[in-house]
Amino acid sequence: MNCIDAIEKNAQQIIDYLLCQFIEEKISDADYVRSVKAVIEGTDAFVQTNLELTHDPALLKRVLSAYAKDRWMNHLAKERLETATVTEDGTASNLEYFYYLYDKLYEKEQYPL
C-alpha cells in the first residue's frame, strides 16, 4: 500500500466512524456533514502541503467527498426512504431532495431555506 492509499483508507475509516456516531447517537444531518467536511478538508490540506504524496490532490478530495455522500445516502435509503412516497416510475420522490440537502449542508454548513 502506498502513502496516498493509506491516507485515503484512514480518512474513509474516520468517515465510517462518524456515520456510526450519526446513526447511534442520532446526530443531526448538519453536524454529520460538517464533521465529514472537516475530515475531507483536513485531509486535503495535508496532501496539499505534501505534494510528493500524489500527483493529483484534488482527486483524493473528490473520492472522499463521493464516499462520504454515498455512505450517508445509503443510510438514508435504509432509514428514511422506506417511508418515502413513490412516484409512477417507482423512484422515491424525495431522493433528489436528500442529494440537494447534502450538497447544501456541505457548501453552506446549514440547512437550506
Protein backbone atom coordinates (compact mmCIF):
# COMPACT_ATOMS: atom_id res chain seq x y z
CA MET A 1 0.00 0.00 0.00
CA ASN A 2 1.40 3.37 -0.95
CA CYS A 3 1.10 6.54 1.13
CA ILE A 4 -1.88 8.04 -0.69
CA ASP A 5 -3.84 4.78 -0.35
CA ALA A 6 -3.12 4.75 3.38
CA ILE A 7 -4.28 8.36 3.70
CA GLU A 8 -7.46 7.60 1.74
CA LYS A 9 -8.28 4.47 3.78
CA ASN A 10 -7.62 6.31 7.04
CA ALA A 11 -9.97 9.14 6.06
CA GLN A 12 -12.61 6.61 4.97
CA GLN A 13 -12.35 4.86 8.34
CA ILE A 14 -12.92 8.18 10.11
CA ILE A 15 -15.91 8.89 7.86
CA ASP A 16 -17.32 5.44 8.66
CA TYR A 17 -16.83 6.09 12.37
CA LEU A 18 -18.64 9.43 12.05
CA LEU A 19 -21.52 7.70 10.26
CA CYS A 20 -21.79 5.18 13.10
CA GLN A 21 -21.89 8.04 15.59
CA PHE A 22 -24.52 9.79 13.44
CA ILE A 23 -26.69 6.66 13.50
CA GLU A 24 -26.19 5.57 17.10
CA GLU A 25 -26.36 8.99 18.74
CA LYS A 26 -28.93 10.44 16.34
CA ILE A 27 -26.68 13.36 15.45
CA SER A 28 -28.24 15.92 13.13
CA ASP A 29 -27.59 15.78 9.40
CA ALA A 30 -25.90 19.17 9.58
CA ASP A 31 -23.49 18.07 12.32
CA TYR A 32 -22.62 14.88 10.45
CA VAL A 33 -21.95 16.68 7.16
CA ARG A 34 -19.97 19.41 8.94
CA SER A 35 -17.81 16.77 10.63
CA VAL A 36 -17.27 14.88 7.39
CA LYS A 37 -16.33 18.11 5.66
CA ALA A 38 -13.72 18.77 8.36
CA VAL A 39 -12.17 15.34 7.72
CA ILE A 40 -12.14 15.89 3.96
CA GLU A 41 -10.79 19.44 4.17
CA GLY A 42 -8.16 18.43 6.74
CA THR A 43 -7.03 15.52 4.61
CA ASP A 44 -6.89 17.78 1.57
CA ALA A 45 -4.86 20.39 3.45
CA PHE A 46 -2.36 17.71 4.49
CA VAL A 47 -1.99 16.40 0.95
CA GLN A 48 -1.73 19.93 -0.47
CA THR A 49 1.23 20.63 1.82
CA ASN A 50 2.83 17.29 0.93
CA LEU A 51 2.51 17.23 -2.84
CA GLU A 52 5.08 14.47 -3.16
CA LEU A 53 2.36 12.06 -1.96
CA THR A 54 0.19 12.37 -5.06
CA HIS A 55 0.20 13.97 -8.47
CA ASP A 56 -3.50 14.95 -8.19
CA PRO A 57 -4.54 16.09 -4.70
CA ALA A 58 -7.96 17.17 -5.98
CA LEU A 59 -8.72 13.56 -6.93
CA LEU A 60 -8.44 12.42 -3.32
CA LYS A 61 -10.81 15.18 -2.23
CA ARG A 62 -13.36 14.15 -4.89
CA VAL A 63 -13.06 10.48 -3.93
CA LEU A 64 -13.54 11.21 -0.22
CA SER A 65 -16.44 13.57 -0.90
CA ALA A 66 -18.21 10.96 -3.04
CA TYR A 67 -17.50 8.26 -0.45
CA ALA A 68 -18.98 10.29 2.41
CA LYS A 69 -22.04 11.28 0.40
CA ASP A 70 -22.64 7.71 -0.80
CA ARG A 71 -22.37 6.31 2.74
CA TRP A 72 -24.86 8.92 4.02
CA MET A 73 -27.27 8.29 1.15
CA ASN A 74 -27.06 4.52 1.65
CA HIS A 75 -28.01 5.00 5.29
CA LEU A 76 -30.91 7.24 4.30
CA ALA A 77 -32.07 4.67 1.77
CA LYS A 78 -32.38 2.17 4.60
CA GLU A 79 -33.81 4.53 7.20
CA ARG A 80 -35.79 7.34 5.69
CA LEU A 81 -36.59 6.38 2.13
CA GLU A 82 -38.55 3.34 3.27
CA THR A 83 -41.34 5.74 4.13
CA ALA A 84 -40.84 8.00 1.10
CA THR A 85 -43.57 8.44 -1.41
CA VAL A 86 -43.03 6.53 -4.60
CA THR A 87 -43.67 8.10 -7.99
CA GLU A 88 -45.19 6.39 -11.01
CA ASP A 89 -41.77 5.36 -12.30
CA GLY A 90 -41.03 3.61 -9.00
CA THR A 91 -38.47 6.05 -7.60
CA ALA A 92 -38.66 7.78 -4.26
CA SER A 93 -39.80 11.32 -4.84
CA ASN A 94 -37.62 12.84 -2.16
CA LEU A 95 -34.37 11.13 -3.15
CA GLU A 96 -33.35 14.20 -5.13
CA TYR A 97 -34.07 16.34 -2.08
CA PHE A 98 -31.61 14.34 0.04
CA TYR A 99 -28.87 14.83 -2.57
CA TYR A 100 -29.72 18.53 -2.63
CA LEU A 101 -29.74 18.66 1.19
CA TYR A 102 -26.32 17.02 1.48
CA ASP A 103 -24.81 19.38 -1.09
CA LYS A 104 -26.24 22.47 0.62
CA LEU A 105 -25.17 21.29 4.06
CA TYR A 106 -21.67 20.64 2.71
CA GLU A 107 -21.42 24.00 0.95
CA LYS A 108 -23.10 26.28 3.48
CA GLU A 109 -22.94 24.17 6.67
CA GLN A 110 -26.58 24.90 7.40
CA TYR A 111 -29.99 23.70 6.30
CA PRO A 112 -31.24 25.28 3.08
CA LEU A 113 -34.05 27.79 3.44
